[in-house]
């Protein structure tokens, strides 16, 4: 089933994002995570994809693993890194044959360690180019990313909005936001999109805030602001990881409740393959 149709039919729900396992231990962890979360009847589940062919193969393997669980709508991520049109066609054909009807099209991050990586040398320069080719298949529902605080490589929110318009014009059906920790940025993003006559569904992307050091690292490379009050609260528990995790979970629950109160009844979670944290958060939400 196509995700855009699910979003229209189900007014409330959650979706989960996983990352592909690197080994048998990781595979077992993914299976356990899925087992622990499937009772929440997700709108869909997605599988991330890093840079390079090897990572893409892991994504494909993980997608096949997810498909073994019946009644799950599975969406693989596809990035522009190290892929040409024939390679993309092969991947899309495989997903079609597996029964996959949804693709998350992303530019992707530079390969780890490649400081001078030049996206202009890639066959697909940005997500818009990927969306355009996928859309020609006339088969997939296409998701894209949007950025509440603007993409880190754009010079203004207006420039960021123009790129978003281009992705949608190329064929994107819905969007998921980059992580954010102040809901005002999400609400303002929706306002900008409305003024720009952009009407596709936009799911807020939620990253559980449980380890401040790691989240600071994430935030530093993707233009996501962590409010000072939250940092101060969690810093007080820097010597107690368990207490810091509890404080972070409490914040995430509060963040989600505010989103739901303001009409965001479809939430997307970056699970980090940690089911116990996700269950604690979801059990506290009216969704």
C-alpha atoms as a PDB file:
ATOM      1  CA  UNK A   1       0.000   0.000   0.000  1.00  0.00           C
ATOM      2  CA  UNK A   2       1.190   3.523  -0.706  1.00  0.00           C
ATOM      3  CA  UNK A   3       2.030   5.651   2.324  1.00  0.00           C
ATOM      4  CA  UNK A   4       0.251   8.726   0.963  1.00  0.00           C
ATOM      5  CA  UNK A   5      -2.993   6.712   0.975  1.00  0.00           C
ATOM      6  CA  UNK A   6      -2.361   5.501   4.528  1.00  0.00           C
ATOM      7  CA  UNK A   7      -1.783   9.072   5.718  1.00  0.00           C
ATOM      8  CA  UNK A   8      -5.102  10.090   4.195  1.00  0.00           C
ATOM      9  CA  UNK A   9      -6.991   7.148   5.700  1.00  0.00           C
ATOM     10  CA  UNK A  10      -5.516   7.099   9.209  1.00  0.00           C
ATOM     11  CA  UNK A  11      -5.753  10.404  11.034  1.00  0.00           C
ATOM     12  CA  UNK A  12      -3.582   9.196  13.922  1.00  0.00           C
ATOM     13  CA  UNK A  13      -0.553   6.964  14.106  1.00  0.00           C
ATOM     14  CA  UNK A  14       3.187   6.610  14.355  1.00  0.00           C
ATOM     15  CA  UNK A  15       5.902   5.462  11.978  1.00  0.00           C
ATOM     16  CA  UNK A  16       9.287   4.014  12.843  1.00  0.00           C
ATOM     17  CA  UNK A  17      12.683   4.432  11.263  1.00  0.00           C
ATOM     18  CA  UNK A  18      15.333   1.727  11.722  1.00  0.00           C
ATOM     19  CA  UNK A  19      18.928   1.380  10.597  1.00  0.00           C
ATOM     20  CA  UNK A  20      20.256  -1.740   8.864  1.00  0.00           C
ATOM     21  CA  UNK A  21      22.199  -4.246  10.989  1.00  0.00           C
ATOM     22  CA  UNK A  22      25.891  -4.815  10.315  1.00  0.00           C
ATOM     23  CA  UNK A  23      26.066  -8.352  11.682  1.00  0.00           C
ATOM     24  CA  UNK A  24      24.028 -11.196  13.160  1.00  0.00           C
ATOM     25  CA  UNK A  25      23.843  -9.524  16.565  1.00  0.00           C
ATOM     26  CA  UNK A  26      22.458  -6.393  14.926  1.00  0.00           C
ATOM     27  CA  UNK A  27      19.995  -8.470  12.935  1.00  0.00           C
ATOM     28  CA  UNK A  28      18.693 -10.075  16.105  1.00  0.00           C
ATOM     29  CA  UNK A  29      18.399  -6.630  17.694  1.00  0.00           C
ATOM     30  CA  UNK A  30      16.376  -5.361  14.735  1.00  0.00           C
ATOM     31  CA  UNK A  31      14.028  -8.352  14.916  1.00  0.00           C
ATOM     32  CA  UNK A  32      13.531  -7.808  18.654  1.00  0.00           C
ATOM     33  CA  UNK A  33      12.902  -4.090  18.104  1.00  0.00           C
ATOM     34  CA  UNK A  34      10.311  -4.827  15.455  1.00  0.00           C
ATOM     35  CA  UNK A  35       8.632  -7.409  17.655  1.00  0.00           C
ATOM     36  CA  UNK A  36       8.464  -4.957  20.539  1.00  0.00           C
ATOM     37  CA  UNK A  37       6.955  -2.143  18.463  1.00  0.00           C
ATOM     38  CA  UNK A  38       4.603  -3.865  16.036  1.00  0.00           C
ATOM     39  CA  UNK A  39       1.728  -3.749  18.560  1.00  0.00           C
ATOM     40  CA  UNK A  40       1.598   0.005  17.981  1.00  0.00           C
ATOM     41  CA  UNK A  41       0.386  -0.762  14.428  1.00  0.00           C
ATOM     42  CA  UNK A  42       2.734   1.679  12.679  1.00  0.00           C
ATOM     43  CA  UNK A  43       1.584   3.667   9.671  1.00  0.00           C
ATOM     44  CA  UNK A  44       4.756   2.385   8.036  1.00  0.00           C
ATOM     45  CA  UNK A  45       8.347   1.527   8.855  1.00  0.00           C
ATOM     46  CA  UNK A  46      11.429   2.796   7.040  1.00  0.00           C
ATOM     47  CA  UNK A  47      15.001   1.576   6.704  1.00  0.00           C
ATOM     48  CA  UNK A  48      17.880   4.021   6.457  1.00  0.00           C
ATOM     49  CA  UNK A  49      20.688   3.925   3.936  1.00  0.00           C
ATOM     50  CA  UNK A  50      24.205   5.256   4.352  1.00  0.00           C
ATOM     51  CA  UNK A  51      26.769   6.100   1.707  1.00  0.00           C
ATOM     52  CA  UNK A  52      28.164   3.595  -0.758  1.00  0.00           C
ATOM     53  CA  UNK A  53      27.139   0.312  -2.351  1.00  0.00           C
ATOM     54  CA  UNK A  54      27.890  -1.918   0.626  1.00  0.00           C
ATOM     55  CA  UNK A  55      25.534   0.058   2.839  1.00  0.00           C
ATOM     56  CA  UNK A  56      22.860   0.013   0.141  1.00  0.00           C
ATOM     57  CA  UNK A  57      23.081  -3.782   0.053  1.00  0.00           C
ATOM     58  CA  UNK A  58      22.586  -3.873   3.828  1.00  0.00           C
ATOM     59  CA  UNK A  59      19.504  -1.711   3.422  1.00  0.00           C
ATOM     60  CA  UNK A  60      18.093  -4.081   0.813  1.00  0.00           C
ATOM     61  CA  UNK A  61      18.774  -7.084   3.050  1.00  0.00           C
ATOM     62  CA  UNK A  62      17.147  -5.348   6.018  1.00  0.00           C
ATOM     63  CA  UNK A  63      14.102  -4.443   3.922  1.00  0.00           C
ATOM     64  CA  UNK A  64      13.666  -8.096   2.968  1.00  0.00           C
ATOM     65  CA  UNK A  65      13.868  -8.958   6.667  1.00  0.00           C
ATOM     66  CA  UNK A  66      11.160  -6.422   7.527  1.00  0.00           C
ATOM     67  CA  UNK A  67       8.927  -7.713   4.747  1.00  0.00           C
ATOM     68  CA  UNK A  68       8.816 -11.115   6.450  1.00  0.00           C
ATOM     69  CA  UNK A  69       6.647  -9.496   9.106  1.00  0.00           C
ATOM     70  CA  UNK A  70       3.175  -9.475   7.603  1.00  0.00           C
ATOM     71  CA  UNK A  71       0.975  -6.381   7.479  1.00  0.00           C
ATOM     72  CA  UNK A  72       3.922  -3.966   7.576  1.00  0.00           C
ATOM     73  CA  UNK A  73       4.284  -1.216   4.986  1.00  0.00           C
ATOM     74  CA  UNK A  74       8.032  -0.917   4.421  1.00  0.00           C
ATOM     75  CA  UNK A  75       9.838   2.064   2.928  1.00  0.00           C
ATOM     76  CA  UNK A  76      13.566   1.882   2.094  1.00  0.00           C
ATOM     77  CA  UNK A  77      15.717   4.989   1.939  1.00  0.00           C
ATOM     78  CA  UNK A  78      17.654   5.726  -1.245  1.00  0.00           C
ATOM     79  CA  UNK A  79      20.462   8.268  -1.481  1.00  0.00           C
ATOM     80  CA  UNK A  80      22.350   9.925  -4.320  1.00  0.00           C
ATOM     81  CA  UNK A  81      25.727   8.601  -3.186  1.00  0.00           C
ATOM     82  CA  UNK A  82      27.649   6.408  -5.643  1.00  0.00           C
ATOM     83  CA  UNK A  83      24.675   5.458  -7.793  1.00  0.00           C
ATOM     84  CA  UNK A  84      23.933   5.861 -11.495  1.00  0.00           C
ATOM     85  CA  UNK A  85      20.709   5.459 -13.458  1.00  0.00           C
ATOM     86  CA  UNK A  86      21.217   1.795 -14.299  1.00  0.00           C
ATOM     87  CA  UNK A  87      22.088   1.018 -10.676  1.00  0.00           C
ATOM     88  CA  UNK A  88      19.033   2.911  -9.500  1.00  0.00           C
ATOM     89  CA  UNK A  89      16.839   1.064 -12.004  1.00  0.00           C
ATOM     90  CA  UNK A  90      18.139  -2.264 -10.697  1.00  0.00           C
ATOM     91  CA  UNK A  91      17.398  -1.342  -7.087  1.00  0.00           C
ATOM     92  CA  UNK A  92      13.916  -0.094  -7.939  1.00  0.00           C
ATOM     93  CA  UNK A  93      13.167  -3.254  -9.914  1.00  0.00           C
ATOM     94  CA  UNK A  94      14.223  -5.389  -6.949  1.00  0.00           C
ATOM     95  CA  UNK A  95      11.991  -3.415  -4.612  1.00  0.00           C
ATOM     96  CA  UNK A  96       9.071  -3.754  -7.035  1.00  0.00           C
ATOM     97  CA  UNK A  97       9.580  -7.502  -7.129  1.00  0.00           C
ATOM     98  CA  UNK A  98       9.579  -7.599  -3.324  1.00  0.00           C
ATOM     99  CA  UNK A  99       6.285  -5.720  -3.163  1.00  0.00           C
ATOM    100  CA  UNK A 100       7.739  -2.412  -1.963  1.00  0.00           C
ATOM    101  CA  UNK A 101       5.656   0.564  -3.124  1.00  0.00           C
ATOM    102  CA  UNK A 102       7.330   3.418  -1.227  1.00  0.00           C
ATOM    103  CA  UNK A 103      10.753   5.067  -1.414  1.00  0.00           C
ATOM    104  CA  UNK A 104      12.319   7.782   0.735  1.00  0.00           C
ATOM    105  CA  UNK A 105      14.519   9.798  -1.644  1.00  0.00           C
ATOM    106  CA  UNK A 106      17.407  11.658   0.002  1.00  0.00           C
ATOM    107  CA  UNK A 107      20.579  13.337  -1.084  1.00  0.00           C
ATOM    108  CA  UNK A 108      22.433  11.616   1.711  1.00  0.00           C
ATOM    109  CA  UNK A 109      25.447  12.629   3.763  1.00  0.00           C
ATOM    110  CA  UNK A 110      29.029  12.552   2.450  1.00  0.00           C
ATOM    111  CA  UNK A 111      30.800   9.223   3.050  1.00  0.00           C
ATOM    112  CA  UNK A 112      32.416   9.168   6.480  1.00  0.00           C
ATOM    113  CA  UNK A 113      35.935  10.551   6.427  1.00  0.00           C
ATOM    114  CA  UNK A 114      35.674  12.168   2.974  1.00  0.00           C
ATOM    115  CA  UNK A 115      36.046  15.826   3.891  1.00  0.00           C
ATOM    116  CA  UNK A 116      36.197  17.130   0.321  1.00  0.00           C
ATOM    117  CA  UNK A 117      33.364  15.018  -1.084  1.00  0.00           C
ATOM    118  CA  UNK A 118      31.779  16.827  -4.061  1.00  0.00           C
ATOM    119  CA  UNK A 119      28.114  16.082  -4.708  1.00  0.00           C
ATOM    120  CA  UNK A 120      28.386  17.795  -8.089  1.00  0.00           C
ATOM    121  CA  UNK A 121      30.394  14.824  -9.313  1.00  0.00           C
ATOM    122  CA  UNK A 122      27.554  12.416  -8.502  1.00  0.00           C
ATOM    123  CA  UNK A 123      25.141  11.312 -11.212  1.00  0.00           C
ATOM    124  CA  UNK A 124      22.351  12.571  -8.982  1.00  0.00           C
ATOM    125  CA  UNK A 125      23.270  15.888  -7.411  1.00  0.00           C
ATOM    126  CA  UNK A 126      20.393  16.182  -4.954  1.00  0.00           C
ATOM    127  CA  UNK A 127      17.161  14.516  -3.826  1.00  0.00           C
ATOM    128  CA  UNK A 128      15.180  16.395  -6.478  1.00  0.00           C
ATOM    129  CA  UNK A 129      17.103  14.568  -9.225  1.00  0.00           C
ATOM    130  CA  UNK A 130      16.492  11.225  -7.554  1.00  0.00           C
ATOM    131  CA  UNK A 131      12.780  11.977  -7.130  1.00  0.00           C
ATOM    132  CA  UNK A 132      12.451  12.893 -10.800  1.00  0.00           C
ATOM    133  CA  UNK A 133      13.831   9.542 -11.981  1.00  0.00           C
ATOM    134  CA  UNK A 134      11.880   7.478  -9.443  1.00  0.00           C
ATOM    135  CA  UNK A 135       8.702   9.313 -10.399  1.00  0.00           C
ATOM    136  CA  UNK A 136       9.151   8.256 -14.035  1.00  0.00           C
ATOM    137  CA  UNK A 137       8.575   4.676 -12.906  1.00  0.00           C
ATOM    138  CA  UNK A 138       4.980   5.690 -12.204  1.00  0.00           C
ATOM    139  CA  UNK A 139       4.876   3.086  -9.451  1.00  0.00           C
ATOM    140  CA  UNK A 140       6.291   4.359  -6.148  1.00  0.00           C
ATOM    141  CA  UNK A 141       4.982   6.737  -3.524  1.00  0.00           C
ATOM    142  CA  UNK A 142       7.925   9.052  -2.816  1.00  0.00           C
ATOM    143  CA  UNK A 143       8.872  10.610   0.498  1.00  0.00           C
ATOM    144  CA  UNK A 144      11.437  13.382   0.970  1.00  0.00           C
ATOM    145  CA  UNK A 145      13.072  15.209   3.871  1.00  0.00           C
ATOM    146  CA  UNK A 146      12.301  18.765   4.936  1.00  0.00           C
ATOM    147  CA  UNK A 147      14.185  20.905   7.429  1.00  0.00           C
ATOM    148  CA  UNK A 148      12.461  22.950  10.151  1.00  0.00           C
ATOM    149  CA  UNK A 149      15.557  25.104  10.638  1.00  0.00           C
ATOM    150  CA  UNK A 150      16.663  24.940   7.012  1.00  0.00           C
ATOM    151  CA  UNK A 151      19.157  22.560   5.437  1.00  0.00           C
ATOM    152  CA  UNK A 152      22.643  23.188   6.766  1.00  0.00           C
ATOM    153  CA  UNK A 153      23.911  24.037   3.266  1.00  0.00           C
ATOM    154  CA  UNK A 154      21.229  26.619   2.446  1.00  0.00           C
ATOM    155  CA  UNK A 155      21.806  30.294   3.144  1.00  0.00           C
ATOM    156  CA  UNK A 156      18.236  31.153   4.157  1.00  0.00           C
ATOM    157  CA  UNK A 157      14.871  29.628   4.984  1.00  0.00           C
ATOM    158  CA  UNK A 158      13.516  30.987   1.705  1.00  0.00           C
ATOM    159  CA  UNK A 159      16.240  29.225  -0.266  1.00  0.00           C
ATOM    160  CA  UNK A 160      15.457  26.035   1.635  1.00  0.00           C
ATOM    161  CA  UNK A 161      11.763  26.424   0.763  1.00  0.00           C
ATOM    162  CA  UNK A 162      12.588  26.766  -2.929  1.00  0.00           C
ATOM    163  CA  UNK A 163      14.490  23.463  -2.855  1.00  0.00           C
ATOM    164  CA  UNK A 164      11.491  21.868  -1.139  1.00  0.00           C
ATOM    165  CA  UNK A 165       9.214  23.145  -3.891  1.00  0.00           C
ATOM    166  CA  UNK A 166      11.517  21.624  -6.508  1.00  0.00           C
ATOM    167  CA  UNK A 167      11.406  18.206  -4.824  1.00  0.00           C
ATOM    168  CA  UNK A 168       7.632  18.283  -4.720  1.00  0.00           C
ATOM    169  CA  UNK A 169       7.354  19.458  -8.327  1.00  0.00           C
ATOM    170  CA  UNK A 170       9.596  16.526  -9.273  1.00  0.00           C
ATOM    171  CA  UNK A 171       7.084  14.101  -7.777  1.00  0.00           C
ATOM    172  CA  UNK A 172       7.365  13.879  -3.973  1.00  0.00           C
ATOM    173  CA  UNK A 173       4.140  12.796  -2.247  1.00  0.00           C
ATOM    174  CA  UNK A 174       4.885  13.450   1.425  1.00  0.00           C
ATOM    175  CA  UNK A 175       7.691  14.625   3.694  1.00  0.00           C
ATOM    176  CA  UNK A 176       9.327  13.810   7.013  1.00  0.00           C
ATOM    177  CA  UNK A 177      11.213  16.489   8.900  1.00  0.00           C
ATOM    178  CA  UNK A 178      14.767  16.440  10.105  1.00  0.00           C
ATOM    179  CA  UNK A 179      14.922  16.122  13.887  1.00  0.00           C
ATOM    180  CA  UNK A 180      14.073  19.204  15.922  1.00  0.00           C
ATOM    181  CA  UNK A 181      13.756  19.864  19.647  1.00  0.00           C
ATOM    182  CA  UNK A 182      11.781  23.084  19.700  1.00  0.00           C
ATOM    183  CA  UNK A 183       8.326  22.615  18.194  1.00  0.00           C
ATOM    184  CA  UNK A 184       8.167  26.254  17.151  1.00  0.00           C
ATOM    185  CA  UNK A 185      10.499  25.412  14.265  1.00  0.00           C
ATOM    186  CA  UNK A 186       8.060  22.760  13.031  1.00  0.00           C
ATOM    187  CA  UNK A 187       5.053  25.052  13.277  1.00  0.00           C
ATOM    188  CA  UNK A 188       6.907  27.807  11.425  1.00  0.00           C
ATOM    189  CA  UNK A 189       7.940  25.311   8.727  1.00  0.00           C
ATOM    190  CA  UNK A 190       4.269  24.443   8.169  1.00  0.00           C
ATOM    191  CA  UNK A 191       3.460  28.148   7.934  1.00  0.00           C
ATOM    192  CA  UNK A 192       6.186  28.695   5.317  1.00  0.00           C
ATOM    193  CA  UNK A 193       4.994  25.714   3.316  1.00  0.00           C
ATOM    194  CA  UNK A 194       1.381  26.890   3.458  1.00  0.00           C
ATOM    195  CA  UNK A 195       2.364  30.359   2.247  1.00  0.00           C
ATOM    196  CA  UNK A 196       4.372  28.702  -0.502  1.00  0.00           C
ATOM    197  CA  UNK A 197       1.287  26.712  -1.598  1.00  0.00           C
ATOM    198  CA  UNK A 198       2.862  23.405  -0.565  1.00  0.00           C
ATOM    199  CA  UNK A 199       0.154  21.030   0.534  1.00  0.00           C
ATOM    200  CA  UNK A 200       1.753  17.604   1.003  1.00  0.00           C
ATOM    201  CA  UNK A 201       1.618  15.854   4.410  1.00  0.00           C
ATOM    202  CA  UNK A 202       4.609  16.675   6.632  1.00  0.00           C
ATOM    203  CA  UNK A 203       5.340  14.259   9.491  1.00  0.00           C
ATOM    204  CA  UNK A 204       7.418  15.633  12.367  1.00  0.00           C
ATOM    205  CA  UNK A 205      10.574  13.567  12.826  1.00  0.00           C
ATOM    206  CA  UNK A 206      11.233  12.854  16.502  1.00  0.00           C
ATOM    207  CA  UNK A 207      14.591  11.763  17.895  1.00  0.00           C
ATOM    208  CA  UNK A 208      14.304  10.608  21.531  1.00  0.00           C
ATOM    209  CA  UNK A 209      16.649  12.817  23.525  1.00  0.00           C
ATOM    210  CA  UNK A 210      18.374  10.338  25.835  1.00  0.00           C
ATOM    211  CA  UNK A 211      22.118  10.956  25.431  1.00  0.00           C
ATOM    212  CA  UNK A 212      22.959  14.647  25.277  1.00  0.00           C
ATOM    213  CA  UNK A 213      26.511  14.165  23.995  1.00  0.00           C
ATOM    214  CA  UNK A 214      25.400  12.074  21.017  1.00  0.00           C
ATOM    215  CA  UNK A 215      22.484  14.325  20.187  1.00  0.00           C
ATOM    216  CA  UNK A 216      24.784  17.346  20.260  1.00  0.00           C
ATOM    217  CA  UNK A 217      26.933  15.578  17.679  1.00  0.00           C
ATOM    218  CA  UNK A 218      23.884  14.920  15.481  1.00  0.00           C
ATOM    219  CA  UNK A 219      22.655  18.472  15.904  1.00  0.00           C
ATOM    220  CA  UNK A 220      26.010  20.002  14.983  1.00  0.00           C
ATOM    221  CA  UNK A 221      25.949  18.489  11.488  1.00  0.00           C
ATOM    222  CA  UNK A 222      22.312  19.071  10.600  1.00  0.00           C
ATOM    223  CA  UNK A 223      21.341  22.504  11.954  1.00  0.00           C
ATOM    224  CA  UNK A 224      19.117  21.430  14.808  1.00  0.00           C
ATOM    225  CA  UNK A 225      18.928  23.642  17.904  1.00  0.00           C
ATOM    226  CA  UNK A 226      18.764  22.074  21.342  1.00  0.00           C
ATOM    227  CA  UNK A 227      17.068  24.590  23.652  1.00  0.00           C
ATOM    228  CA  UNK A 228      19.331  25.884  26.412  1.00  0.00           C
ATOM    229  CA  UNK A 229      16.923  24.915  29.183  1.00  0.00           C
ATOM    230  CA  UNK A 230      16.931  21.298  28.031  1.00  0.00           C
ATOM    231  CA  UNK A 231      20.720  21.203  27.787  1.00  0.00           C
ATOM    232  CA  UNK A 232      21.053  22.639  31.286  1.00  0.00           C
ATOM    233  CA  UNK A 233      18.598  20.109  32.692  1.00  0.00           C
ATOM    234  CA  UNK A 234      20.357  17.146  31.098  1.00  0.00           C
ATOM    235  CA  UNK A 235      23.819  18.472  31.902  1.00  0.00           C
ATOM    236  CA  UNK A 236      22.932  18.188  35.579  1.00  0.00           C
ATOM    237  CA  UNK A 237      22.855  14.434  35.081  1.00  0.00           C
ATOM    238  CA  UNK A 238      26.087  14.166  33.098  1.00  0.00           C
ATOM    239  CA  UNK A 239      27.504  11.759  35.684  1.00  0.00           C
ATOM    240  CA  UNK A 240      24.382   9.619  35.729  1.00  0.00           C
ATOM    241  CA  UNK A 241      23.494   8.281  32.249  1.00  0.00           C
ATOM    242  CA  UNK A 242      20.325   6.606  33.516  1.00  0.00           C
ATOM    243  CA  UNK A 243      18.993   9.804  35.073  1.00  0.00           C
ATOM    244  CA  UNK A 244      19.939  11.754  31.964  1.00  0.00           C
ATOM    245  CA  UNK A 245      18.042   9.234  29.839  1.00  0.00           C
ATOM    246  CA  UNK A 246      14.966   9.588  32.059  1.00  0.00           C
ATOM    247  CA  UNK A 247      15.122  13.387  31.793  1.00  0.00           C
ATOM    248  CA  UNK A 248      15.458  13.139  28.014  1.00  0.00           C
ATOM    249  CA  UNK A 249      12.543  10.733  27.690  1.00  0.00           C
ATOM    250  CA  UNK A 250      10.417  13.049  29.807  1.00  0.00           C
ATOM    251  CA  UNK A 251      11.272  15.914  27.457  1.00  0.00           C
ATOM    252  CA  UNK A 252      10.473  13.842  24.354  1.00  0.00           C
ATOM    253  CA  UNK A 253       7.092  12.858  25.776  1.00  0.00           C
ATOM    254  CA  UNK A 254       6.352  16.516  26.504  1.00  0.00           C
ATOM    255  CA  UNK A 255       7.438  17.466  22.976  1.00  0.00           C
ATOM    256  CA  UNK A 256       5.183  14.850  21.407  1.00  0.00           C
ATOM    257  CA  UNK A 257       2.207  15.793  23.557  1.00  0.00           C
ATOM    258  CA  UNK A 258       2.543  19.396  22.427  1.00  0.00           C
ATOM    259  CA  UNK A 259       2.679  18.317  18.777  1.00  0.00           C
ATOM    260  CA  UNK A 260      -0.431  16.178  19.186  1.00  0.00           C
ATOM    261  CA  UNK A 261      -2.229  18.990  21.028  1.00  0.00           C
ATOM    262  CA  UNK A 262      -1.506  21.236  18.060  1.00  0.00           C
ATOM    263  CA  UNK A 263      -2.799  18.824  15.459  1.00  0.00           C
ATOM    264  CA  UNK A 264       0.230  16.702  14.553  1.00  0.00           C
ATOM    265  CA  UNK A 265      -1.374  13.304  15.035  1.00  0.00           C
ATOM    266  CA  UNK A 266       1.016  11.376  12.772  1.00  0.00           C
ATOM    267  CA  UNK A 267       4.504  11.199  14.279  1.00  0.00           C
ATOM    268  CA  UNK A 268       7.664   9.706  12.809  1.00  0.00           C
ATOM    269  CA  UNK A 269      10.265   8.334  15.244  1.00  0.00           C
ATOM    270  CA  UNK A 270      13.967   7.796  14.648  1.00  0.00           C
ATOM    271  CA  UNK A 271      14.096   4.714  16.851  1.00  0.00           C
ATOM    272  CA  UNK A 272      17.873   4.067  16.805  1.00  0.00           C
ATOM    273  CA  UNK A 273      16.739   0.423  17.112  1.00  0.00           C
ATOM    274  CA  UNK A 274      16.015   0.942  20.839  1.00  0.00           C
ATOM    275  CA  UNK A 275      12.591  -0.543  21.573  1.00  0.00           C
ATOM    276  CA  UNK A 276      12.531  -0.031  25.341  1.00  0.00           C
ATOM    277  CA  UNK A 277      12.921   3.732  24.966  1.00  0.00           C
ATOM    278  CA  UNK A 278      10.287   3.855  22.244  1.00  0.00           C
ATOM    279  CA  UNK A 279       7.770   1.849  24.260  1.00  0.00           C
ATOM    280  CA  UNK A 280       8.195   4.147  27.265  1.00  0.00           C
ATOM    281  CA  UNK A 281       7.502   7.189  25.099  1.00  0.00           C
ATOM    282  CA  UNK A 282       4.605   5.721  23.134  1.00  0.00           C
ATOM    283  CA  UNK A 283       2.858   4.316  26.195  1.00  0.00           C
ATOM    284  CA  UNK A 284       2.650   7.889  27.510  1.00  0.00           C
ATOM    285  CA  UNK A 285       1.052   9.361  24.392  1.00  0.00           C
ATOM    286  CA  UNK A 286      -2.628   9.669  23.415  1.00  0.00           C
ATOM    287  CA  UNK A 287      -2.079   8.303  19.944  1.00  0.00           C
END
